[in-house]
């Protein structure tokens, strides 16, 4: 595949929600196995998974946007379409923005995800360095909106959990050598995993309403390494000006460093 460019269209393909796939997802997160399948399971078909710049040392997720329109159904096959919609600079990185649509067999939209991936412009020599979390605005502490706590959960994310979540595939999210080859000191816990905890909390508390009308912007702020303890929380922040309901979530380490923040809305 050539280097990504704006307007690049990814060939359409199919995605079937299998029990095995759902079991891997929930076992990796160490959450209850239940129905229906998690909405964020659709991130497995994110267009960006197959669209990369050739310079991948230091590659990280920056943001993920979600629009949900219908619940995923176990055993059902969906069509996937994707494209590159933008490439833009950010400090010493360039950001690749892709959009992926999931549709049912009748062509109805199930979900849309927009993925902002960051790539270093120049390949670093040796280990990739990060800014000190304490020096980054809003990354250690940030102003959280007031609201009612919808739910929370705590986990120590282990390397074994990473391997199960990504069902044995070898990558910098599961294998130390592959991670070091990309300039990281250790395995990088996948953004799909940390984002998944916010998804689990929103779905378990808002139910089908979230699956049919949820909108979410996830911002990844710091790297999570294996064996670090995290807590995820989501708040109901009340009515919005357009008659929806505002939600807010975040994941932080035990030392207070924020891994991600998420802002969204849902129909009332």
C-alpha atoms as a PDB file:
ATOM      1  CA  UNK A   1       0.000   0.000   0.000  1.00  0.00           C
ATOM      2  CA  UNK A   2       1.360   3.501  -0.832  1.00  0.00           C
ATOM      3  CA  UNK A   3       2.027   6.202   1.742  1.00  0.00           C
ATOM      4  CA  UNK A   4      -1.329   7.571   2.960  1.00  0.00           C
ATOM      5  CA  UNK A   5      -2.746  10.620   1.219  1.00  0.00           C
ATOM      6  CA  UNK A   6      -5.937  12.631   1.661  1.00  0.00           C
ATOM      7  CA  UNK A   7      -8.704  11.002  -0.333  1.00  0.00           C
ATOM      8  CA  UNK A   8      -7.260   7.496  -0.189  1.00  0.00           C
ATOM      9  CA  UNK A   9     -10.187   5.039  -0.142  1.00  0.00           C
ATOM     10  CA  UNK A  10      -9.832   1.647   1.517  1.00  0.00           C
ATOM     11  CA  UNK A  11     -11.483  -1.270  -0.329  1.00  0.00           C
ATOM     12  CA  UNK A  12     -14.793  -2.283   1.248  1.00  0.00           C
ATOM     13  CA  UNK A  13     -14.721  -5.415   3.367  1.00  0.00           C
ATOM     14  CA  UNK A  14     -16.888  -7.395   5.787  1.00  0.00           C
ATOM     15  CA  UNK A  15     -16.845  -7.749   9.561  1.00  0.00           C
ATOM     16  CA  UNK A  16     -18.643 -10.513  11.459  1.00  0.00           C
ATOM     17  CA  UNK A  17     -19.218 -10.222  15.211  1.00  0.00           C
ATOM     18  CA  UNK A  18     -18.180 -13.620  16.565  1.00  0.00           C
ATOM     19  CA  UNK A  19     -18.437 -14.962  20.100  1.00  0.00           C
ATOM     20  CA  UNK A  20     -14.698 -15.644  20.107  1.00  0.00           C
ATOM     21  CA  UNK A  21     -13.958 -12.032  19.244  1.00  0.00           C
ATOM     22  CA  UNK A  22     -16.243 -10.750  21.995  1.00  0.00           C
ATOM     23  CA  UNK A  23     -14.781 -13.175  24.530  1.00  0.00           C
ATOM     24  CA  UNK A  24     -11.229 -12.027  23.760  1.00  0.00           C
ATOM     25  CA  UNK A  25     -12.265  -8.412  24.150  1.00  0.00           C
ATOM     26  CA  UNK A  26     -13.960  -8.843  27.527  1.00  0.00           C
ATOM     27  CA  UNK A  27     -11.441 -11.330  28.910  1.00  0.00           C
ATOM     28  CA  UNK A  28      -8.616  -8.934  28.021  1.00  0.00           C
ATOM     29  CA  UNK A  29     -10.345  -6.115  29.887  1.00  0.00           C
ATOM     30  CA  UNK A  30     -11.258  -8.498  32.739  1.00  0.00           C
ATOM     31  CA  UNK A  31     -14.920  -7.444  32.686  1.00  0.00           C
ATOM     32  CA  UNK A  32     -18.119  -9.476  32.794  1.00  0.00           C
ATOM     33  CA  UNK A  33     -19.106 -11.472  29.706  1.00  0.00           C
ATOM     34  CA  UNK A  34     -22.579 -10.381  28.680  1.00  0.00           C
ATOM     35  CA  UNK A  35     -24.813  -9.494  25.745  1.00  0.00           C
ATOM     36  CA  UNK A  36     -25.015  -7.536  23.533  1.00  0.00           C
ATOM     37  CA  UNK A  37     -21.480  -7.235  22.130  1.00  0.00           C
ATOM     38  CA  UNK A  38     -19.596  -4.057  23.111  1.00  0.00           C
ATOM     39  CA  UNK A  39     -20.020  -1.179  20.654  1.00  0.00           C
ATOM     40  CA  UNK A  40     -16.299  -0.423  20.687  1.00  0.00           C
ATOM     41  CA  UNK A  41     -15.591  -3.910  19.380  1.00  0.00           C
ATOM     42  CA  UNK A  42     -16.021  -2.193  15.996  1.00  0.00           C
ATOM     43  CA  UNK A  43     -12.632  -0.539  16.544  1.00  0.00           C
ATOM     44  CA  UNK A  44     -11.138  -3.833  15.344  1.00  0.00           C
ATOM     45  CA  UNK A  45     -12.059  -2.771  11.787  1.00  0.00           C
ATOM     46  CA  UNK A  46     -10.796   0.797  12.100  1.00  0.00           C
ATOM     47  CA  UNK A  47      -9.426   1.767   8.683  1.00  0.00           C
ATOM     48  CA  UNK A  48      -6.281   3.093  10.320  1.00  0.00           C
ATOM     49  CA  UNK A  49      -5.260  -0.443  11.295  1.00  0.00           C
ATOM     50  CA  UNK A  50      -4.241  -1.001   7.679  1.00  0.00           C
ATOM     51  CA  UNK A  51      -3.172   2.546   6.758  1.00  0.00           C
ATOM     52  CA  UNK A  52       0.175   3.659   8.152  1.00  0.00           C
ATOM     53  CA  UNK A  53       3.092   5.868   7.270  1.00  0.00           C
ATOM     54  CA  UNK A  54       6.243   3.836   6.653  1.00  0.00           C
ATOM     55  CA  UNK A  55       8.004   5.665   9.526  1.00  0.00           C
ATOM     56  CA  UNK A  56       6.346   3.991  12.520  1.00  0.00           C
ATOM     57  CA  UNK A  57       8.862   4.500  15.324  1.00  0.00           C
ATOM     58  CA  UNK A  58       7.080   6.322  18.138  1.00  0.00           C
ATOM     59  CA  UNK A  59       3.633   5.782  16.595  1.00  0.00           C
ATOM     60  CA  UNK A  60       0.810   6.562  19.058  1.00  0.00           C
ATOM     61  CA  UNK A  61      -2.917   7.220  19.109  1.00  0.00           C
ATOM     62  CA  UNK A  62      -3.939  10.846  19.568  1.00  0.00           C
ATOM     63  CA  UNK A  63      -7.747  10.922  19.385  1.00  0.00           C
ATOM     64  CA  UNK A  64     -10.704   8.705  18.580  1.00  0.00           C
ATOM     65  CA  UNK A  65     -14.188   9.985  17.720  1.00  0.00           C
ATOM     66  CA  UNK A  66     -17.328   7.832  17.797  1.00  0.00           C
ATOM     67  CA  UNK A  67     -20.897   8.237  16.523  1.00  0.00           C
ATOM     68  CA  UNK A  68     -23.168   5.303  17.393  1.00  0.00           C
ATOM     69  CA  UNK A  69     -26.430   4.639  15.548  1.00  0.00           C
ATOM     70  CA  UNK A  70     -27.420   1.026  16.318  1.00  0.00           C
ATOM     71  CA  UNK A  71     -26.340  -1.824  18.634  1.00  0.00           C
ATOM     72  CA  UNK A  72     -23.925  -4.450  17.373  1.00  0.00           C
ATOM     73  CA  UNK A  73     -25.511  -7.896  17.133  1.00  0.00           C
ATOM     74  CA  UNK A  74     -23.743 -11.180  17.823  1.00  0.00           C
ATOM     75  CA  UNK A  75     -23.240 -13.323  14.731  1.00  0.00           C
ATOM     76  CA  UNK A  76     -24.185 -10.549  12.324  1.00  0.00           C
ATOM     77  CA  UNK A  77     -22.027  -9.514   9.354  1.00  0.00           C
ATOM     78  CA  UNK A  78     -21.472  -5.834   8.577  1.00  0.00           C
ATOM     79  CA  UNK A  79     -19.850  -3.952   5.726  1.00  0.00           C
ATOM     80  CA  UNK A  80     -16.880  -1.673   6.367  1.00  0.00           C
ATOM     81  CA  UNK A  81     -15.873   1.370   4.329  1.00  0.00           C
ATOM     82  CA  UNK A  82     -13.040   3.767   5.096  1.00  0.00           C
ATOM     83  CA  UNK A  83     -10.981   6.636   3.785  1.00  0.00           C
ATOM     84  CA  UNK A  84      -8.203   9.074   4.700  1.00  0.00           C
ATOM     85  CA  UNK A  85      -9.840  12.453   5.346  1.00  0.00           C
ATOM     86  CA  UNK A  86      -6.913  14.607   6.525  1.00  0.00           C
ATOM     87  CA  UNK A  87      -3.182  14.748   7.268  1.00  0.00           C
ATOM     88  CA  UNK A  88      -2.076  17.629   9.485  1.00  0.00           C
ATOM     89  CA  UNK A  89       0.985  18.679  11.564  1.00  0.00           C
ATOM     90  CA  UNK A  90       1.250  18.724  15.355  1.00  0.00           C
ATOM     91  CA  UNK A  91       4.569  19.679  16.985  1.00  0.00           C
ATOM     92  CA  UNK A  92       7.194  17.137  15.771  1.00  0.00           C
ATOM     93  CA  UNK A  93       4.530  14.770  14.459  1.00  0.00           C
ATOM     94  CA  UNK A  94       2.115  14.438  11.576  1.00  0.00           C
ATOM     95  CA  UNK A  95      -1.411  13.281  12.256  1.00  0.00           C
ATOM     96  CA  UNK A  96      -3.251  10.829  10.028  1.00  0.00           C
ATOM     97  CA  UNK A  97      -7.043  11.162  10.219  1.00  0.00           C
ATOM     98  CA  UNK A  98      -9.111   8.283   8.890  1.00  0.00           C
ATOM     99  CA  UNK A  99     -12.855   7.673   8.944  1.00  0.00           C
ATOM    100  CA  UNK A 100     -14.467   4.234   9.086  1.00  0.00           C
ATOM    101  CA  UNK A 101     -18.175   3.487   8.610  1.00  0.00           C
ATOM    102  CA  UNK A 102     -19.885   0.281   9.685  1.00  0.00           C
ATOM    103  CA  UNK A 103     -23.211  -0.581   8.004  1.00  0.00           C
ATOM    104  CA  UNK A 104     -25.675  -3.451   8.311  1.00  0.00           C
ATOM    105  CA  UNK A 105     -26.835  -5.659   5.431  1.00  0.00           C
ATOM    106  CA  UNK A 106     -29.544  -3.134   4.502  1.00  0.00           C
ATOM    107  CA  UNK A 107     -27.002  -0.320   4.295  1.00  0.00           C
ATOM    108  CA  UNK A 108     -28.101   1.402   7.520  1.00  0.00           C
ATOM    109  CA  UNK A 109     -25.331   3.143   9.438  1.00  0.00           C
ATOM    110  CA  UNK A 110     -24.304   1.367  12.661  1.00  0.00           C
ATOM    111  CA  UNK A 111     -21.284   3.427  13.725  1.00  0.00           C
ATOM    112  CA  UNK A 112     -18.747   5.946  12.478  1.00  0.00           C
ATOM    113  CA  UNK A 113     -15.259   6.272  13.935  1.00  0.00           C
ATOM    114  CA  UNK A 114     -12.655   8.906  13.167  1.00  0.00           C
ATOM    115  CA  UNK A 115      -9.143   8.033  14.199  1.00  0.00           C
ATOM    116  CA  UNK A 116      -6.327  10.566  14.683  1.00  0.00           C
ATOM    117  CA  UNK A 117      -2.981   8.691  14.729  1.00  0.00           C
ATOM    118  CA  UNK A 118       0.309  10.480  15.403  1.00  0.00           C
ATOM    119  CA  UNK A 119       3.591   9.659  13.655  1.00  0.00           C
ATOM    120  CA  UNK A 120       6.979  11.247  14.328  1.00  0.00           C
ATOM    121  CA  UNK A 121       8.216  13.149  11.284  1.00  0.00           C
ATOM    122  CA  UNK A 122      11.778  11.899  11.810  1.00  0.00           C
ATOM    123  CA  UNK A 123      12.730   8.430  13.034  1.00  0.00           C
ATOM    124  CA  UNK A 124      14.342   8.826  16.474  1.00  0.00           C
ATOM    125  CA  UNK A 125      17.665   7.225  17.312  1.00  0.00           C
ATOM    126  CA  UNK A 126      17.366   5.075  20.400  1.00  0.00           C
ATOM    127  CA  UNK A 127      14.409   5.221  22.791  1.00  0.00           C
ATOM    128  CA  UNK A 128      11.484   7.520  22.086  1.00  0.00           C
ATOM    129  CA  UNK A 129      11.244  10.203  24.770  1.00  0.00           C
ATOM    130  CA  UNK A 130       8.068  11.780  26.107  1.00  0.00           C
ATOM    131  CA  UNK A 131       7.411  15.063  27.828  1.00  0.00           C
ATOM    132  CA  UNK A 132       7.210  14.791  31.612  1.00  0.00           C
ATOM    133  CA  UNK A 133       3.522  14.262  32.469  1.00  0.00           C
ATOM    134  CA  UNK A 134       3.875  16.823  35.254  1.00  0.00           C
ATOM    135  CA  UNK A 135       4.827  19.477  32.690  1.00  0.00           C
ATOM    136  CA  UNK A 136       1.944  18.767  30.297  1.00  0.00           C
ATOM    137  CA  UNK A 137      -1.120  20.926  30.660  1.00  0.00           C
ATOM    138  CA  UNK A 138      -4.065  18.963  31.975  1.00  0.00           C
ATOM    139  CA  UNK A 139      -2.321  15.601  31.872  1.00  0.00           C
ATOM    140  CA  UNK A 140      -1.779  15.044  35.574  1.00  0.00           C
ATOM    141  CA  UNK A 141      -4.675  17.044  36.923  1.00  0.00           C
ATOM    142  CA  UNK A 142      -7.409  18.746  34.940  1.00  0.00           C
ATOM    143  CA  UNK A 143     -10.645  20.541  35.554  1.00  0.00           C
ATOM    144  CA  UNK A 144     -13.367  17.932  35.631  1.00  0.00           C
ATOM    145  CA  UNK A 145     -16.974  18.969  35.122  1.00  0.00           C
ATOM    146  CA  UNK A 146     -19.420  18.518  37.936  1.00  0.00           C
ATOM    147  CA  UNK A 147     -21.827  15.648  37.588  1.00  0.00           C
ATOM    148  CA  UNK A 148     -23.257  12.441  38.954  1.00  0.00           C
ATOM    149  CA  UNK A 149     -20.919   9.458  38.992  1.00  0.00           C
ATOM    150  CA  UNK A 150     -22.358   6.859  36.623  1.00  0.00           C
ATOM    151  CA  UNK A 151     -19.755   4.217  37.312  1.00  0.00           C
ATOM    152  CA  UNK A 152     -16.105   3.379  37.926  1.00  0.00           C
ATOM    153  CA  UNK A 153     -13.776   0.411  37.804  1.00  0.00           C
ATOM    154  CA  UNK A 154     -10.177  -0.340  38.738  1.00  0.00           C
ATOM    155  CA  UNK A 155      -7.764  -2.711  37.065  1.00  0.00           C
ATOM    156  CA  UNK A 156      -4.076  -3.535  36.958  1.00  0.00           C
ATOM    157  CA  UNK A 157      -3.494  -4.035  33.240  1.00  0.00           C
ATOM    158  CA  UNK A 158      -1.051  -6.919  32.806  1.00  0.00           C
ATOM    159  CA  UNK A 159       0.884  -8.109  29.774  1.00  0.00           C
ATOM    160  CA  UNK A 160      -1.239 -11.269  29.831  1.00  0.00           C
ATOM    161  CA  UNK A 161      -4.393  -9.164  29.539  1.00  0.00           C
ATOM    162  CA  UNK A 162      -2.893  -7.327  26.569  1.00  0.00           C
ATOM    163  CA  UNK A 163      -2.138 -10.642  24.852  1.00  0.00           C
ATOM    164  CA  UNK A 164      -5.672 -11.895  25.405  1.00  0.00           C
ATOM    165  CA  UNK A 165      -7.322  -8.646  24.304  1.00  0.00           C
ATOM    166  CA  UNK A 166      -5.391  -8.705  21.021  1.00  0.00           C
ATOM    167  CA  UNK A 167      -5.998 -12.487  20.804  1.00  0.00           C
ATOM    168  CA  UNK A 168      -2.348 -13.512  20.572  1.00  0.00           C
ATOM    169  CA  UNK A 169      -1.261 -11.219  17.738  1.00  0.00           C
ATOM    170  CA  UNK A 170       2.306  -9.954  18.074  1.00  0.00           C
ATOM    171  CA  UNK A 171       2.670  -6.172  18.055  1.00  0.00           C
ATOM    172  CA  UNK A 172       4.030  -3.361  20.197  1.00  0.00           C
ATOM    173  CA  UNK A 173       0.862  -3.779  22.297  1.00  0.00           C
ATOM    174  CA  UNK A 174       1.743  -7.361  23.242  1.00  0.00           C
ATOM    175  CA  UNK A 175       5.439  -8.052  22.586  1.00  0.00           C
ATOM    176  CA  UNK A 176       8.381  -6.302  24.259  1.00  0.00           C
ATOM    177  CA  UNK A 177      10.822  -6.818  21.388  1.00  0.00           C
ATOM    178  CA  UNK A 178       8.423  -5.401  18.826  1.00  0.00           C
ATOM    179  CA  UNK A 179       7.730  -2.437  21.082  1.00  0.00           C
ATOM    180  CA  UNK A 180      11.443  -1.756  21.562  1.00  0.00           C
ATOM    181  CA  UNK A 181      11.918  -1.946  17.789  1.00  0.00           C
ATOM    182  CA  UNK A 182       9.552   1.038  17.545  1.00  0.00           C
ATOM    183  CA  UNK A 183      11.535   2.968  20.150  1.00  0.00           C
ATOM    184  CA  UNK A 184       9.483   2.253  23.284  1.00  0.00           C
ATOM    185  CA  UNK A 185      11.014   1.069  26.538  1.00  0.00           C
ATOM    186  CA  UNK A 186       8.281  -1.493  27.139  1.00  0.00           C
ATOM    187  CA  UNK A 187       5.022  -2.782  25.693  1.00  0.00           C
ATOM    188  CA  UNK A 188       2.558   0.053  25.108  1.00  0.00           C
ATOM    189  CA  UNK A 189      -0.894  -0.855  26.424  1.00  0.00           C
ATOM    190  CA  UNK A 190      -3.209  -0.332  23.456  1.00  0.00           C
ATOM    191  CA  UNK A 191      -5.441   2.713  23.351  1.00  0.00           C
ATOM    192  CA  UNK A 192      -8.197   0.356  22.276  1.00  0.00           C
ATOM    193  CA  UNK A 193      -7.968  -1.267  25.720  1.00  0.00           C
ATOM    194  CA  UNK A 194      -7.999   1.894  27.836  1.00  0.00           C
ATOM    195  CA  UNK A 195     -10.771   3.361  25.680  1.00  0.00           C
ATOM    196  CA  UNK A 196     -12.666   0.099  26.114  1.00  0.00           C
ATOM    197  CA  UNK A 197     -13.040   0.697  29.849  1.00  0.00           C
ATOM    198  CA  UNK A 198     -14.870   3.966  29.186  1.00  0.00           C
ATOM    199  CA  UNK A 199     -17.050   2.157  26.657  1.00  0.00           C
ATOM    200  CA  UNK A 200     -17.895  -0.569  29.166  1.00  0.00           C
ATOM    201  CA  UNK A 201     -18.960   1.968  31.788  1.00  0.00           C
ATOM    202  CA  UNK A 202     -21.120   3.976  29.381  1.00  0.00           C
ATOM    203  CA  UNK A 203     -22.832   0.890  27.959  1.00  0.00           C
ATOM    204  CA  UNK A 204     -23.458  -0.714  31.352  1.00  0.00           C
ATOM    205  CA  UNK A 205     -25.056   2.457  32.726  1.00  0.00           C
ATOM    206  CA  UNK A 206     -26.812   3.924  29.656  1.00  0.00           C
ATOM    207  CA  UNK A 207     -27.659   0.687  27.833  1.00  0.00           C
ATOM    208  CA  UNK A 208     -29.188   0.683  24.357  1.00  0.00           C
ATOM    209  CA  UNK A 209     -29.639   4.455  24.486  1.00  0.00           C
ATOM    210  CA  UNK A 210     -25.850   4.773  24.233  1.00  0.00           C
ATOM    211  CA  UNK A 211     -25.657   2.234  21.403  1.00  0.00           C
ATOM    212  CA  UNK A 212     -28.254   4.156  19.370  1.00  0.00           C
ATOM    213  CA  UNK A 213     -27.289   7.769  20.010  1.00  0.00           C
ATOM    214  CA  UNK A 214     -23.915   8.028  21.757  1.00  0.00           C
ATOM    215  CA  UNK A 215     -21.250  10.455  20.547  1.00  0.00           C
ATOM    216  CA  UNK A 216     -17.789  10.439  22.079  1.00  0.00           C
ATOM    217  CA  UNK A 217     -14.440  12.165  21.638  1.00  0.00           C
ATOM    218  CA  UNK A 218     -11.540  10.342  23.308  1.00  0.00           C
ATOM    219  CA  UNK A 219      -8.205  12.134  23.816  1.00  0.00           C
ATOM    220  CA  UNK A 220      -5.172   9.999  24.682  1.00  0.00           C
ATOM    221  CA  UNK A 221      -2.874  11.980  26.973  1.00  0.00           C
ATOM    222  CA  UNK A 222      -0.191   9.622  28.350  1.00  0.00           C
ATOM    223  CA  UNK A 223       1.212   6.154  27.721  1.00  0.00           C
ATOM    224  CA  UNK A 224       0.110   3.251  29.932  1.00  0.00           C
ATOM    225  CA  UNK A 225       2.665   0.493  30.564  1.00  0.00           C
ATOM    226  CA  UNK A 226       1.913  -3.097  31.693  1.00  0.00           C
ATOM    227  CA  UNK A 227       1.314  -3.711  35.409  1.00  0.00           C
ATOM    228  CA  UNK A 228       0.219  -0.139  36.112  1.00  0.00           C
ATOM    229  CA  UNK A 229      -2.953   0.311  38.154  1.00  0.00           C
ATOM    230  CA  UNK A 230      -5.719   2.434  36.633  1.00  0.00           C
ATOM    231  CA  UNK A 231      -9.152   3.677  37.589  1.00  0.00           C
ATOM    232  CA  UNK A 232     -11.783   4.619  34.993  1.00  0.00           C
ATOM    233  CA  UNK A 233     -14.754   6.848  35.809  1.00  0.00           C
ATOM    234  CA  UNK A 234     -17.686   8.329  33.907  1.00  0.00           C
ATOM    235  CA  UNK A 235     -19.999  11.184  34.935  1.00  0.00           C
ATOM    236  CA  UNK A 236     -23.474  12.305  33.886  1.00  0.00           C
ATOM    237  CA  UNK A 237     -23.031  16.062  33.500  1.00  0.00           C
ATOM    238  CA  UNK A 238     -26.634  17.022  32.785  1.00  0.00           C
ATOM    239  CA  UNK A 239     -28.574  18.454  29.865  1.00  0.00           C
ATOM    240  CA  UNK A 240     -26.934  20.132  26.881  1.00  0.00           C
ATOM    241  CA  UNK A 241     -28.248  23.141  24.974  1.00  0.00           C
ATOM    242  CA  UNK A 242     -29.486  20.895  22.160  1.00  0.00           C
ATOM    243  CA  UNK A 243     -31.543  18.699  24.468  1.00  0.00           C
ATOM    244  CA  UNK A 244     -29.093  15.819  24.787  1.00  0.00           C
ATOM    245  CA  UNK A 245     -27.260  14.657  27.919  1.00  0.00           C
ATOM    246  CA  UNK A 246     -23.571  15.308  28.490  1.00  0.00           C
ATOM    247  CA  UNK A 247     -21.184  12.603  29.729  1.00  0.00           C
ATOM    248  CA  UNK A 248     -17.541  12.811  30.722  1.00  0.00           C
ATOM    249  CA  UNK A 249     -15.019  10.060  31.442  1.00  0.00           C
ATOM    250  CA  UNK A 250     -11.358   9.645  32.245  1.00  0.00           C
ATOM    251  CA  UNK A 251      -8.775   6.971  33.005  1.00  0.00           C
ATOM    252  CA  UNK A 252      -5.915   7.725  35.379  1.00  0.00           C
ATOM    253  CA  UNK A 253      -3.018   5.843  36.897  1.00  0.00           C
ATOM    254  CA  UNK A 254      -2.595   5.332  40.627  1.00  0.00           C
ATOM    255  CA  UNK A 255      -0.086   8.206  40.704  1.00  0.00           C
ATOM    256  CA  UNK A 256      -2.685  10.595  39.275  1.00  0.00           C
ATOM    257  CA  UNK A 257      -1.341  10.776  35.715  1.00  0.00           C
ATOM    258  CA  UNK A 258      -4.222  10.853  33.233  1.00  0.00           C
ATOM    259  CA  UNK A 259      -4.166   8.269  30.441  1.00  0.00           C
ATOM    260  CA  UNK A 260      -7.183   9.574  28.540  1.00  0.00           C
ATOM    261  CA  UNK A 261     -10.200  11.860  28.805  1.00  0.00           C
ATOM    262  CA  UNK A 262     -13.500  11.426  26.969  1.00  0.00           C
ATOM    263  CA  UNK A 263     -16.304  13.901  26.305  1.00  0.00           C
ATOM    264  CA  UNK A 264     -19.636  12.880  24.840  1.00  0.00           C
ATOM    265  CA  UNK A 265     -23.396  13.206  24.623  1.00  0.00           C
ATOM    266  CA  UNK A 266     -26.381  10.879  24.382  1.00  0.00           C
ATOM    267  CA  UNK A 267     -30.089  11.353  23.731  1.00  0.00           C
ATOM    268  CA  UNK A 268     -32.093  11.979  26.883  1.00  0.00           C
END
